[in-house]
């Protein structure tokens, strides 16, 4: 697996997602952490939804991860936010599901990149 190609695929999906909601306000919450933190969190949320993970489990996982680095989140607000993202990012979640399925089935990564790029245009 070519990690660089995987990164390009995921970056296309993340960049599309960033345009669908107020990403700058979202990222502002994590500005004191690494520059990529918000983007990585958004990627994880999209992947979790694409893998049909339970939203309650996702919420608990995120809250626990944040607590481990000293950030405390309002669980009810996070639950609402995750539900909103699930609706707003339906297209990106579906696209991620397709990308993950193609990669799992060992479809050539260049083909996957091309297909995902065409989806997102």
PDB file of N, CA and C in Angstrom:
ATOM      1  N   UNK A   1       0.837  -1.174   0.000  1.00  0.00           N
ATOM      2  CA  UNK A   1       0.000   0.000   0.000  1.00  0.00           C
ATOM      3  C   UNK A   1       0.885   1.242   0.000  1.00  0.00           C
ATOM      4  N   UNK A   2       0.614   2.141  -0.889  1.00  0.00           N
ATOM      5  CA  UNK A   2       1.373   3.381  -0.997  1.00  0.00           C
ATOM      6  C   UNK A   2       0.720   4.436  -0.113  1.00  0.00           C
ATOM      7  N   UNK A   3       1.355   4.718   1.022  1.00  0.00           N
ATOM      8  CA  UNK A   3       0.770   5.664   1.973  1.00  0.00           C
ATOM      9  C   UNK A   3       0.584   7.048   1.373  1.00  0.00           C
ATOM     10  N   UNK A   4       1.466   7.441   0.466  1.00  0.00           N
ATOM     11  CA  UNK A   4       1.352   8.760  -0.171  1.00  0.00           C
ATOM     12  C   UNK A   4       0.066   8.849  -0.990  1.00  0.00           C
ATOM     13  N   UNK A   5      -0.250   7.800  -1.711  1.00  0.00           N
ATOM     14  CA  UNK A   5      -1.478   7.777  -2.507  1.00  0.00           C
ATOM     15  C   UNK A   5      -2.692   7.753  -1.590  1.00  0.00           C
ATOM     16  N   UNK A   6      -2.645   6.955  -0.516  1.00  0.00           N
ATOM     17  CA  UNK A   6      -3.736   6.944   0.468  1.00  0.00           C
ATOM     18  C   UNK A   6      -3.953   8.354   1.013  1.00  0.00           C
ATOM     19  N   UNK A   7      -2.875   9.024   1.361  1.00  0.00           N
ATOM     20  CA  UNK A   7      -2.970  10.393   1.885  1.00  0.00           C
ATOM     21  C   UNK A   7      -3.637  11.317   0.872  1.00  0.00           C
ATOM     22  N   UNK A   8      -3.301  11.171  -0.394  1.00  0.00           N
ATOM     23  CA  UNK A   8      -3.920  12.004  -1.433  1.00  0.00           C
ATOM     24  C   UNK A   8      -5.417  11.737  -1.522  1.00  0.00           C
ATOM     25  N   UNK A   9      -5.793  10.476  -1.451  1.00  0.00           N
ATOM     26  CA  UNK A   9      -7.210  10.098  -1.504  1.00  0.00           C
ATOM     27  C   UNK A   9      -7.954  10.726  -0.327  1.00  0.00           C
ATOM     28  N   UNK A  10      -7.409  10.545   0.871  1.00  0.00           N
ATOM     29  CA  UNK A  10      -8.059  11.068   2.068  1.00  0.00           C
ATOM     30  C   UNK A  10      -8.079  12.595   2.064  1.00  0.00           C
ATOM     31  N   UNK A  11      -7.020  13.199   1.555  1.00  0.00           N
ATOM     32  CA  UNK A  11      -6.943  14.665   1.487  1.00  0.00           C
ATOM     33  C   UNK A  11      -8.037  15.224   0.577  1.00  0.00           C
ATOM     34  N   UNK A  12      -8.294  14.560  -0.536  1.00  0.00           N
ATOM     35  CA  UNK A  12      -9.374  14.998  -1.432  1.00  0.00           C
ATOM     36  C   UNK A  12     -10.716  14.999  -0.700  1.00  0.00           C
ATOM     37  N   UNK A  13     -10.964  13.943   0.041  1.00  0.00           N
ATOM     38  CA  UNK A  13     -12.230  13.819   0.765  1.00  0.00           C
ATOM     39  C   UNK A  13     -12.310  14.863   1.875  1.00  0.00           C
ATOM     40  N   UNK A  14     -11.241  15.040   2.617  1.00  0.00           N
ATOM     41  CA  UNK A  14     -11.214  16.027   3.704  1.00  0.00           C
ATOM     42  C   UNK A  14     -11.399  17.440   3.155  1.00  0.00           C
ATOM     43  N   UNK A  15     -10.727  17.761   2.082  1.00  0.00           N
ATOM     44  CA  UNK A  15     -10.864  19.111   1.508  1.00  0.00           C
ATOM     45  C   UNK A  15     -12.286  19.375   1.044  1.00  0.00           C
ATOM     46  N   UNK A  16     -12.943  18.357   0.509  1.00  0.00           N
ATOM     47  CA  UNK A  16     -14.341  18.497   0.127  1.00  0.00           C
ATOM     48  C   UNK A  16     -15.203  18.731   1.374  1.00  0.00           C
ATOM     49  N   UNK A  17     -14.940  17.966   2.424  1.00  0.00           N
ATOM     50  CA  UNK A  17     -15.709  18.094   3.670  1.00  0.00           C
ATOM     51  C   UNK A  17     -15.531  19.477   4.293  1.00  0.00           C
ATOM     52  N   UNK A  18     -14.343  20.003   4.252  1.00  0.00           N
ATOM     53  CA  UNK A  18     -14.064  21.319   4.851  1.00  0.00           C
ATOM     54  C   UNK A  18     -14.925  22.424   4.244  1.00  0.00           C
ATOM     55  N   UNK A  19     -15.320  22.253   3.004  1.00  0.00           N
ATOM     56  CA  UNK A  19     -16.120  23.281   2.329  1.00  0.00           C
ATOM     57  C   UNK A  19     -17.604  23.195   2.682  1.00  0.00           C
ATOM     58  N   UNK A  20     -18.005  22.141   3.351  1.00  0.00           N
ATOM     59  CA  UNK A  20     -19.435  21.922   3.619  1.00  0.00           C
ATOM     60  C   UNK A  20     -19.900  22.417   4.987  1.00  0.00           C
ATOM     61  N   UNK A  21     -18.960  22.785   5.853  1.00  0.00           N
ATOM     62  CA  UNK A  21     -19.337  23.315   7.168  1.00  0.00           C
ATOM     63  C   UNK A  21     -18.275  24.325   7.582  1.00  0.00           C
ATOM     64  N   UNK A  22     -18.489  24.962   8.722  1.00  0.00           N
ATOM     65  CA  UNK A  22     -17.570  26.009   9.184  1.00  0.00           C
ATOM     66  C   UNK A  22     -16.319  25.368   9.785  1.00  0.00           C
ATOM     67  N   UNK A  23     -15.465  24.892   8.880  1.00  0.00           N
ATOM     68  CA  UNK A  23     -14.263  24.186   9.319  1.00  0.00           C
ATOM     69  C   UNK A  23     -13.332  25.100  10.111  1.00  0.00           C
ATOM     70  N   UNK A  24     -13.244  26.360   9.733  1.00  0.00           N
ATOM     71  CA  UNK A  24     -12.311  27.258  10.439  1.00  0.00           C
ATOM     72  C   UNK A  24     -12.701  27.404  11.910  1.00  0.00           C
ATOM     73  N   UNK A  25     -13.992  27.465  12.215  1.00  0.00           N
ATOM     74  CA  UNK A  25     -14.425  27.524  13.618  1.00  0.00           C
ATOM     75  C   UNK A  25     -14.125  26.204  14.327  1.00  0.00           C
ATOM     76  N   UNK A  26     -14.345  25.108  13.626  1.00  0.00           N
ATOM     77  CA  UNK A  26     -14.027  23.788  14.172  1.00  0.00           C
ATOM     78  C   UNK A  26     -12.540  23.702  14.506  1.00  0.00           C
ATOM     79  N   UNK A  27     -11.690  24.092  13.558  1.00  0.00           N
ATOM     80  CA  UNK A  27     -10.234  24.013  13.745  1.00  0.00           C
ATOM     81  C   UNK A  27      -9.758  24.967  14.842  1.00  0.00           C
ATOM     82  N   UNK A  28     -10.441  26.073  14.997  1.00  0.00           N
ATOM     83  CA  UNK A  28     -10.079  27.065  16.020  1.00  0.00           C
ATOM     84  C   UNK A  28     -10.095  26.442  17.425  1.00  0.00           C
ATOM     85  N   UNK A  29     -10.974  25.470  17.629  1.00  0.00           N
ATOM     86  CA  UNK A  29     -11.062  24.805  18.940  1.00  0.00           C
ATOM     87  C   UNK A  29      -9.791  24.038  19.296  1.00  0.00           C
ATOM     88  N   UNK A  30      -8.981  23.737  18.293  1.00  0.00           N
ATOM     89  CA  UNK A  30      -7.800  22.898  18.504  1.00  0.00           C
ATOM     90  C   UNK A  30      -6.509  23.617  18.118  1.00  0.00           C
ATOM     91  N   UNK A  31      -6.562  24.931  18.016  1.00  0.00           N
ATOM     92  CA  UNK A  31      -5.416  25.700  17.519  1.00  0.00           C
ATOM     93  C   UNK A  31      -4.164  25.552  18.375  1.00  0.00           C
ATOM     94  N   UNK A  32      -4.338  25.238  19.646  1.00  0.00           N
ATOM     95  CA  UNK A  32      -3.172  25.105  20.524  1.00  0.00           C
ATOM     96  C   UNK A  32      -2.499  23.743  20.396  1.00  0.00           C
ATOM     97  N   UNK A  33      -3.139  22.850  19.692  1.00  0.00           N
ATOM     98  CA  UNK A  33      -2.558  21.527  19.464  1.00  0.00           C
ATOM     99  C   UNK A  33      -1.800  21.548  18.138  1.00  0.00           C
ATOM    100  N   UNK A  34      -1.444  20.401  17.640  1.00  0.00           N
ATOM    101  CA  UNK A  34      -0.686  20.349  16.383  1.00  0.00           C
ATOM    102  C   UNK A  34      -1.525  20.934  15.239  1.00  0.00           C
ATOM    103  N   UNK A  35      -0.865  21.476  14.221  1.00  0.00           N
ATOM    104  CA  UNK A  35      -1.589  22.094  13.108  1.00  0.00           C
ATOM    105  C   UNK A  35      -2.521  21.129  12.369  1.00  0.00           C
ATOM    106  N   UNK A  36      -2.223  19.860  12.426  1.00  0.00           N
ATOM    107  CA  UNK A  36      -3.021  18.865  11.711  1.00  0.00           C
ATOM    108  C   UNK A  36      -4.093  18.209  12.579  1.00  0.00           C
ATOM    109  N   UNK A  37      -4.192  18.607  13.829  1.00  0.00           N
ATOM    110  CA  UNK A  37      -5.089  17.916  14.756  1.00  0.00           C
ATOM    111  C   UNK A  37      -6.545  17.935  14.277  1.00  0.00           C
ATOM    112  N   UNK A  38      -7.055  19.105  13.938  1.00  0.00           N
ATOM    113  CA  UNK A  38      -8.462  19.227  13.520  1.00  0.00           C
ATOM    114  C   UNK A  38      -8.722  18.409  12.256  1.00  0.00           C
ATOM    115  N   UNK A  39      -7.787  18.471  11.331  1.00  0.00           N
ATOM    116  CA  UNK A  39      -7.936  17.714  10.082  1.00  0.00           C
ATOM    117  C   UNK A  39      -7.932  16.209  10.348  1.00  0.00           C
ATOM    118  N   UNK A  40      -7.054  15.760  11.225  1.00  0.00           N
ATOM    119  CA  UNK A  40      -6.994  14.333  11.561  1.00  0.00           C
ATOM    120  C   UNK A  40      -8.256  13.882  12.291  1.00  0.00           C
ATOM    121  N   UNK A  41      -8.787  14.750  13.156  1.00  0.00           N
ATOM    122  CA  UNK A  41     -10.024  14.421  13.858  1.00  0.00           C
ATOM    123  C   UNK A  41     -11.186  14.327  12.864  1.00  0.00           C
ATOM    124  N   UNK A  42     -11.253  15.269  11.945  1.00  0.00           N
ATOM    125  CA  UNK A  42     -12.305  15.228  10.920  1.00  0.00           C
ATOM    126  C   UNK A  42     -12.178  13.959  10.073  1.00  0.00           C
ATOM    127  N   UNK A  43     -10.957  13.609   9.701  1.00  0.00           N
ATOM    128  CA  UNK A  43     -10.737  12.374   8.941  1.00  0.00           C
ATOM    129  C   UNK A  43     -11.240  11.170   9.726  1.00  0.00           C
ATOM    130  N   UNK A  44     -10.907  11.101  11.005  1.00  0.00           N
ATOM    131  CA  UNK A  44     -11.335   9.970  11.824  1.00  0.00           C
ATOM    132  C   UNK A  44     -12.857   9.900  11.918  1.00  0.00           C
ATOM    133  N   UNK A  45     -13.498  11.043  12.048  1.00  0.00           N
ATOM    134  CA  UNK A  45     -14.964  11.074  12.120  1.00  0.00           C
ATOM    135  C   UNK A  45     -15.564  10.544  10.820  1.00  0.00           C
ATOM    136  N   UNK A  46     -15.039  10.993   9.686  1.00  0.00           N
ATOM    137  CA  UNK A  46     -15.555  10.543   8.390  1.00  0.00           C
ATOM    138  C   UNK A  46     -15.316   9.044   8.201  1.00  0.00           C
ATOM    139  N   UNK A  47     -14.133   8.577   8.559  1.00  0.00           N
ATOM    140  CA  UNK A  47     -13.828   7.146   8.454  1.00  0.00           C
ATOM    141  C   UNK A  47     -14.759   6.338   9.359  1.00  0.00           C
ATOM    142  N   UNK A  48     -14.954   6.806  10.588  1.00  0.00           N
ATOM    143  CA  UNK A  48     -15.845   6.085  11.512  1.00  0.00           C
ATOM    144  C   UNK A  48     -17.259   5.990  10.954  1.00  0.00           C
ATOM    145  N   UNK A  49     -17.774   7.092  10.414  1.00  0.00           N
ATOM    146  CA  UNK A  49     -19.103   7.043   9.808  1.00  0.00           C
ATOM    147  C   UNK A  49     -19.117   6.114   8.597  1.00  0.00           C
ATOM    148  N   UNK A  50     -18.063   6.161   7.793  1.00  0.00           N
ATOM    149  CA  UNK A  50     -17.985   5.296   6.610  1.00  0.00           C
ATOM    150  C   UNK A  50     -17.970   3.819   7.006  1.00  0.00           C
ATOM    151  N   UNK A  51     -17.415   3.533   8.169  1.00  0.00           N
ATOM    152  CA  UNK A  51     -17.353   2.162   8.673  1.00  0.00           C
ATOM    153  C   UNK A  51     -18.566   1.819   9.534  1.00  0.00           C
ATOM    154  N   UNK A  52     -19.583   2.689   9.501  1.00  0.00           N
ATOM    155  CA  UNK A  52     -20.844   2.480  10.224  1.00  0.00           C
ATOM    156  C   UNK A  52     -20.668   2.312  11.729  1.00  0.00           C
ATOM    157  N   UNK A  53     -19.712   3.046  12.293  1.00  0.00           N
ATOM    158  CA  UNK A  53     -19.532   2.980  13.742  1.00  0.00           C
ATOM    159  C   UNK A  53     -20.689   3.688  14.430  1.00  0.00           C
ATOM    160  N   UNK A  54     -21.038   3.200  15.578  1.00  0.00           N
ATOM    161  CA  UNK A  54     -22.108   3.758  16.388  1.00  0.00           C
ATOM    162  C   UNK A  54     -21.714   5.162  16.857  1.00  0.00           C
ATOM    163  N   UNK A  55     -22.615   6.111  16.695  1.00  0.00           N
ATOM    164  CA  UNK A  55     -22.314   7.504  17.026  1.00  0.00           C
ATOM    165  C   UNK A  55     -22.037   7.689  18.520  1.00  0.00           C
ATOM    166  N   UNK A  56     -22.691   6.911  19.350  1.00  0.00           N
ATOM    167  CA  UNK A  56     -22.456   7.000  20.797  1.00  0.00           C
ATOM    168  C   UNK A  56     -21.037   6.536  21.125  1.00  0.00           C
ATOM    169  N   UNK A  57     -20.596   5.470  20.488  1.00  0.00           N
ATOM    170  CA  UNK A  57     -19.220   4.972  20.671  1.00  0.00           C
ATOM    171  C   UNK A  57     -18.222   6.010  20.160  1.00  0.00           C
ATOM    172  N   UNK A  58     -18.530   6.611  19.004  1.00  0.00           N
ATOM    173  CA  UNK A  58     -17.653   7.651  18.462  1.00  0.00           C
ATOM    174  C   UNK A  58     -17.520   8.798  19.456  1.00  0.00           C
ATOM    175  N   UNK A  59     -18.640   9.223  20.023  1.00  0.00           N
ATOM    176  CA  UNK A  59     -18.645  10.332  20.981  1.00  0.00           C
ATOM    177  C   UNK A  59     -17.768   9.997  22.180  1.00  0.00           C
ATOM    178  N   UNK A  60     -17.953   8.823  22.743  1.00  0.00           N
ATOM    179  CA  UNK A  60     -17.188   8.413  23.920  1.00  0.00           C
ATOM    180  C   UNK A  60     -15.695   8.334  23.593  1.00  0.00           C
ATOM    181  N   UNK A  61     -15.371   7.793  22.431  1.00  0.00           N
ATOM    182  CA  UNK A  61     -13.965   7.686  22.012  1.00  0.00           C
ATOM    183  C   UNK A  61     -13.330   9.070  21.886  1.00  0.00           C
ATOM    184  N   UNK A  62     -14.042   9.986  21.256  1.00  0.00           N
ATOM    185  CA  UNK A  62     -13.511  11.349  21.085  1.00  0.00           C
ATOM    186  C   UNK A  62     -13.347  12.033  22.437  1.00  0.00           C
ATOM    187  N   UNK A  63     -14.363  11.936  23.285  1.00  0.00           N
ATOM    188  CA  UNK A  63     -14.289  12.556  24.617  1.00  0.00           C
ATOM    189  C   UNK A  63     -13.095  11.996  25.391  1.00  0.00           C
ATOM    190  N   UNK A  64     -12.909  10.683  25.360  1.00  0.00           N
ATOM    191  CA  UNK A  64     -11.788  10.065  26.078  1.00  0.00           C
ATOM    192  C   UNK A  64     -10.443  10.512  25.524  1.00  0.00           C
ATOM    193  N   UNK A  65     -10.327  10.570  24.191  1.00  0.00           N
ATOM    194  CA  UNK A  65      -9.071  11.028  23.579  1.00  0.00           C
ATOM    195  C   UNK A  65      -8.772  12.465  23.978  1.00  0.00           C
ATOM    196  N   UNK A  66      -9.798  13.294  23.985  1.00  0.00           N
ATOM    197  CA  UNK A  66      -9.609  14.695  24.345  1.00  0.00           C
ATOM    198  C   UNK A  66      -9.205  14.837  25.813  1.00  0.00           C
ATOM    199  N   UNK A  67      -9.839  14.059  26.676  1.00  0.00           N
ATOM    200  CA  UNK A  67      -9.502  14.112  28.101  1.00  0.00           C
ATOM    201  C   UNK A  67      -8.046  13.737  28.325  1.00  0.00           C
ATOM    202  N   UNK A  68      -7.553  12.775  27.539  1.00  0.00           N
ATOM    203  CA  UNK A  68      -6.165  12.326  27.693  1.00  0.00           C
ATOM    204  C   UNK A  68      -5.166  13.434  27.365  1.00  0.00           C
ATOM    205  N   UNK A  69      -5.584  14.412  26.558  1.00  0.00           N
ATOM    206  CA  UNK A  69      -4.675  15.518  26.229  1.00  0.00           C
ATOM    207  C   UNK A  69      -5.088  16.815  26.932  1.00  0.00           C
ATOM    208  N   UNK A  70      -6.021  16.682  27.878  1.00  0.00           N
ATOM    209  CA  UNK A  70      -6.385  17.830  28.702  1.00  0.00           C
ATOM    210  C   UNK A  70      -7.502  18.699  28.159  1.00  0.00           C
ATOM    211  N   UNK A  71      -8.222  18.234  27.168  1.00  0.00           N
ATOM    212  CA  UNK A  71      -9.367  18.986  26.639  1.00  0.00           C
ATOM    213  C   UNK A  71     -10.653  18.333  27.119  1.00  0.00           C
ATOM    214  N   UNK A  72     -11.574  19.158  27.528  1.00  0.00           N
ATOM    215  CA  UNK A  72     -12.841  18.633  28.021  1.00  0.00           C
ATOM    216  C   UNK A  72     -13.964  19.148  27.131  1.00  0.00           C
ATOM    217  N   UNK A  73     -14.757  18.224  26.608  1.00  0.00           N
ATOM    218  CA  UNK A  73     -15.835  18.541  25.682  1.00  0.00           C
ATOM    219  C   UNK A  73     -17.180  18.277  26.331  1.00  0.00           C
ATOM    220  N   UNK A  74     -18.137  19.084  25.954  1.00  0.00           N
ATOM    221  CA  UNK A  74     -19.512  18.850  26.379  1.00  0.00           C
ATOM    222  C   UNK A  74     -20.056  17.701  25.539  1.00  0.00           C
ATOM    223  N   UNK A  75     -20.361  16.585  26.177  1.00  0.00           N
ATOM    224  CA  UNK A  75     -20.779  15.385  25.445  1.00  0.00           C
ATOM    225  C   UNK A  75     -22.061  15.596  24.655  1.00  0.00           C
ATOM    226  N   UNK A  76     -22.995  16.343  25.216  1.00  0.00           N
ATOM    227  CA  UNK A  76     -24.255  16.553  24.491  1.00  0.00           C
ATOM    228  C   UNK A  76     -24.028  17.423  23.255  1.00  0.00           C
ATOM    229  N   UNK A  77     -23.174  18.437  23.361  1.00  0.00           N
ATOM    230  CA  UNK A  77     -22.854  19.267  22.193  1.00  0.00           C
ATOM    231  C   UNK A  77     -22.102  18.463  21.145  1.00  0.00           C
ATOM    232  N   UNK A  78     -21.198  17.599  21.583  1.00  0.00           N
ATOM    233  CA  UNK A  78     -20.459  16.748  20.649  1.00  0.00           C
ATOM    234  C   UNK A  78     -21.407  15.805  19.923  1.00  0.00           C
ATOM    235  N   UNK A  79     -22.375  15.248  20.644  1.00  0.00           N
ATOM    236  CA  UNK A  79     -23.350  14.350  20.038  1.00  0.00           C
ATOM    237  C   UNK A  79     -24.144  15.075  18.959  1.00  0.00           C
ATOM    238  N   UNK A  80     -24.587  16.294  19.259  1.00  0.00           N
ATOM    239  CA  UNK A  80     -25.327  17.107  18.282  1.00  0.00           C
ATOM    240  C   UNK A  80     -24.427  17.399  17.079  1.00  0.00           C
ATOM    241  N   UNK A  81     -23.176  17.785  17.337  1.00  0.00           N
ATOM    242  CA  UNK A  81     -22.230  18.096  16.263  1.00  0.00           C
ATOM    243  C   UNK A  81     -22.009  16.884  15.366  1.00  0.00           C
ATOM    244  N   UNK A  82     -21.814  15.716  15.956  1.00  0.00           N
ATOM    245  CA  UNK A  82     -21.598  14.506  15.164  1.00  0.00           C
ATOM    246  C   UNK A  82     -22.818  14.183  14.308  1.00  0.00           C
ATOM    247  N   UNK A  83     -24.000  14.342  14.875  1.00  0.00           N
ATOM    248  CA  UNK A  83     -25.225  14.112  14.099  1.00  0.00           C
ATOM    249  C   UNK A  83     -25.341  15.096  12.941  1.00  0.00           C
ATOM    250  N   UNK A  84     -24.984  16.348  13.193  1.00  0.00           N
ATOM    251  CA  UNK A  84     -25.009  17.350  12.123  1.00  0.00           C
ATOM    252  C   UNK A  84     -24.007  16.999  11.031  1.00  0.00           C
ATOM    253  N   UNK A  85     -22.790  16.625  11.438  1.00  0.00           N
ATOM    254  CA  UNK A  85     -21.773  16.253  10.448  1.00  0.00           C
ATOM    255  C   UNK A  85     -22.212  15.048   9.633  1.00  0.00           C
ATOM    256  N   UNK A  86     -22.847  14.086  10.280  1.00  0.00           N
ATOM    257  CA  UNK A  86     -23.299  12.896   9.558  1.00  0.00           C
ATOM    258  C   UNK A  86     -24.246  13.289   8.431  1.00  0.00           C
ATOM    259  N   UNK A  87     -25.074  14.267   8.674  1.00  0.00           N
ATOM    260  CA  UNK A  87     -26.010  14.737   7.657  1.00  0.00           C
ATOM    261  C   UNK A  87     -25.313  15.610   6.608  1.00  0.00           C
ATOM    262  N   UNK A  88     -24.520  16.559   7.069  1.00  0.00           N
ATOM    263  CA  UNK A  88     -23.859  17.517   6.184  1.00  0.00           C
ATOM    264  C   UNK A  88     -22.853  16.832   5.263  1.00  0.00           C
ATOM    265  N   UNK A  89     -22.155  15.839   5.784  1.00  0.00           N
ATOM    266  CA  UNK A  89     -21.060  15.195   5.048  1.00  0.00           C
ATOM    267  C   UNK A  89     -21.455  13.841   4.447  1.00  0.00           C
ATOM    268  N   UNK A  90     -22.738  13.669   4.169  1.00  0.00           N
ATOM    269  CA  UNK A  90     -23.207  12.396   3.598  1.00  0.00           C
ATOM    270  C   UNK A  90     -22.404  11.989   2.364  1.00  0.00           C
ATOM    271  N   UNK A  91     -22.175  12.946   1.490  1.00  0.00           N
ATOM    272  CA  UNK A  91     -21.467  12.654   0.244  1.00  0.00           C
ATOM    273  C   UNK A  91     -20.030  12.208   0.516  1.00  0.00           C
ATOM    274  N   UNK A  92     -19.342  12.939   1.395  1.00  0.00           N
ATOM    275  CA  UNK A  92     -17.955  12.581   1.712  1.00  0.00           C
ATOM    276  C   UNK A  92     -17.884  11.244   2.444  1.00  0.00           C
ATOM    277  N   UNK A  93     -18.848  10.977   3.296  1.00  0.00           N
ATOM    278  CA  UNK A  93     -18.883   9.699   4.017  1.00  0.00           C
ATOM    279  C   UNK A  93     -19.080   8.551   3.024  1.00  0.00           C
ATOM    280  N   UNK A  94     -20.001   8.728   2.095  1.00  0.00           N
ATOM    281  CA  UNK A  94     -20.220   7.700   1.060  1.00  0.00           C
ATOM    282  C   UNK A  94     -18.984   7.523   0.187  1.00  0.00           C
ATOM    283  N   UNK A  95     -18.354   8.637  -0.148  1.00  0.00           N
ATOM    284  CA  UNK A  95     -17.142   8.585  -0.962  1.00  0.00           C
ATOM    285  C   UNK A  95     -16.027   7.860  -0.213  1.00  0.00           C
ATOM    286  N   UNK A  96     -15.907   8.135   1.086  1.00  0.00           N
ATOM    287  CA  UNK A  96     -14.894   7.446   1.897  1.00  0.00           C
ATOM    288  C   UNK A  96     -15.191   5.956   1.944  1.00  0.00           C
ATOM    289  N   UNK A  97     -16.457   5.597   2.077  1.00  0.00           N
ATOM    290  CA  UNK A  97     -16.844   4.182   2.112  1.00  0.00           C
ATOM    291  C   UNK A  97     -16.402   3.490   0.819  1.00  0.00           C
ATOM    292  N   UNK A  98     -16.636   4.140  -0.302  1.00  0.00           N
ATOM    293  CA  UNK A  98     -16.226   3.585  -1.603  1.00  0.00           C
ATOM    294  C   UNK A  98     -14.705   3.453  -1.662  1.00  0.00           C
ATOM    295  N   UNK A  99     -14.000   4.500  -1.244  1.00  0.00           N
ATOM    296  CA  UNK A  99     -12.531   4.465  -1.273  1.00  0.00           C
ATOM    297  C   UNK A  99     -11.996   3.343  -0.399  1.00  0.00           C
ATOM    298  N   UNK A 100     -12.516   3.228   0.818  1.00  0.00           N
ATOM    299  CA  UNK A 100     -12.041   2.175   1.722  1.00  0.00           C
ATOM    300  C   UNK A 100     -12.334   0.786   1.175  1.00  0.00           C
ATOM    301  N   UNK A 101     -13.526   0.616   0.575  1.00  0.00           N
ATOM    302  CA  UNK A 101     -13.875  -0.679  -0.029  1.00  0.00           C
ATOM    303  C   UNK A 101     -12.940  -1.014  -1.189  1.00  0.00           C
ATOM    304  N   UNK A 102     -12.681  -0.040  -2.030  1.00  0.00           N
ATOM    305  CA  UNK A 102     -11.794  -0.264  -3.173  1.00  0.00           C
ATOM    306  C   UNK A 102     -10.384  -0.618  -2.701  1.00  0.00           C
ATOM    307  N   UNK A 103      -9.886   0.117  -1.710  1.00  0.00           N
ATOM    308  CA  UNK A 103      -8.544  -0.156  -1.188  1.00  0.00           C
ATOM    309  C   UNK A 103      -8.492  -1.535  -0.522  1.00  0.00           C
ATOM    310  N   UNK A 104      -9.544  -1.884   0.219  1.00  0.00           N
ATOM    311  CA  UNK A 104      -9.596  -3.202   0.874  1.00  0.00           C
ATOM    312  C   UNK A 104      -9.621  -4.333  -0.156  1.00  0.00           C
ATOM    313  N   UNK A 105     -10.205  -4.049  -1.310  1.00  0.00           N
ATOM    314  CA  UNK A 105     -10.265  -5.051  -2.383  1.00  0.00           C
ATOM    315  C   UNK A 105      -9.044  -5.000  -3.299  1.00  0.00           C
ATOM    316  N   UNK A 106      -8.049  -4.260  -2.862  1.00  0.00           N
ATOM    317  CA  UNK A 106      -6.749  -4.177  -3.536  1.00  0.00           C
ATOM    318  C   UNK A 106      -6.838  -3.621  -4.958  1.00  0.00           C
ATOM    319  N   UNK A 107      -7.799  -2.715  -5.162  1.00  0.00           N
ATOM    320  CA  UNK A 107      -7.863  -1.991  -6.437  1.00  0.00           C
ATOM    321  C   UNK A 107      -6.642  -1.081  -6.488  1.00  0.00           C
ATOM    322  N   UNK A 108      -6.034  -0.980  -7.632  1.00  0.00           N
ATOM    323  CA  UNK A 108      -4.852  -0.131  -7.797  1.00  0.00           C
ATOM    324  C   UNK A 108      -5.141   1.264  -7.247  1.00  0.00           C
ATOM    325  N   UNK A 109      -4.234   1.754  -6.415  1.00  0.00           N
ATOM    326  CA  UNK A 109      -4.444   3.039  -5.738  1.00  0.00           C
ATOM    327  C   UNK A 109      -4.570   4.205  -6.711  1.00  0.00           C
ATOM    328  N   UNK A 110      -3.889   4.136  -7.825  1.00  0.00           N
ATOM    329  CA  UNK A 110      -4.007   5.212  -8.818  1.00  0.00           C
ATOM    330  C   UNK A 110      -5.433   5.248  -9.382  1.00  0.00           C
ATOM    331  N   UNK A 111      -6.022   4.088  -9.550  1.00  0.00           N
ATOM    332  CA  UNK A 111      -7.413   4.018 -10.026  1.00  0.00           C
ATOM    333  C   UNK A 111      -8.347   4.578  -8.956  1.00  0.00           C
ATOM    334  N   UNK A 112      -8.126   4.195  -7.703  1.00  0.00           N
ATOM    335  CA  UNK A 112      -8.954   4.691  -6.604  1.00  0.00           C
ATOM    336  C   UNK A 112      -8.857   6.215  -6.530  1.00  0.00           C
ATOM    337  N   UNK A 113      -7.651   6.725  -6.627  1.00  0.00           N
ATOM    338  CA  UNK A 113      -7.438   8.177  -6.590  1.00  0.00           C
ATOM    339  C   UNK A 113      -8.202   8.857  -7.726  1.00  0.00           C
ATOM    340  N   UNK A 114      -8.131   8.289  -8.908  1.00  0.00           N
ATOM    341  CA  UNK A 114      -8.832   8.853 -10.061  1.00  0.00           C
ATOM    342  C   UNK A 114     -10.350   8.815  -9.868  1.00  0.00           C
ATOM    343  N   UNK A 115     -10.863   7.696  -9.380  1.00  0.00           N
ATOM    344  CA  UNK A 115     -12.315   7.558  -9.163  1.00  0.00           C
ATOM    345  C   UNK A 115     -12.791   8.581  -8.113  1.00  0.00           C
ATOM    346  N   UNK A 116     -12.077   8.667  -7.001  1.00  0.00           N
ATOM    347  CA  UNK A 116     -12.466   9.584  -5.932  1.00  0.00           C
ATOM    348  C   UNK A 116     -12.361  11.032  -6.401  1.00  0.00           C
ATOM    349  N   UNK A 117     -11.328  11.331  -7.128  1.00  0.00           N
ATOM    350  CA  UNK A 117     -11.163  12.672  -7.675  1.00  0.00           C
ATOM    351  C   UNK A 117     -12.330  13.034  -8.584  1.00  0.00           C
ATOM    352  N   UNK A 118     -12.748  12.095  -9.425  1.00  0.00           N
ATOM    353  CA  UNK A 118     -13.895  12.333 -10.307  1.00  0.00           C
ATOM    354  C   UNK A 118     -15.191  12.487  -9.527  1.00  0.00           C
ATOM    355  N   UNK A 119     -15.370  11.717  -8.466  1.00  0.00           N
ATOM    356  CA  UNK A 119     -16.577  11.841  -7.623  1.00  0.00           C
ATOM    357  C   UNK A 119     -16.685  13.241  -7.044  1.00  0.00           C
ATOM    358  N   UNK A 120     -15.554  13.750  -6.604  1.00  0.00           N
ATOM    359  CA  UNK A 120     -15.543  15.003  -5.849  1.00  0.00           C
ATOM    360  C   UNK A 120     -15.508  16.259  -6.722  1.00  0.00           C
ATOM    361  N   UNK A 121     -15.472  16.086  -8.033  1.00  0.00           N
ATOM    362  CA  UNK A 121     -15.428  17.265  -8.918  1.00  0.00           C
ATOM    363  C   UNK A 121     -16.778  17.878  -9.058  1.00  0.00           C
TER     364      UNK A 121
END
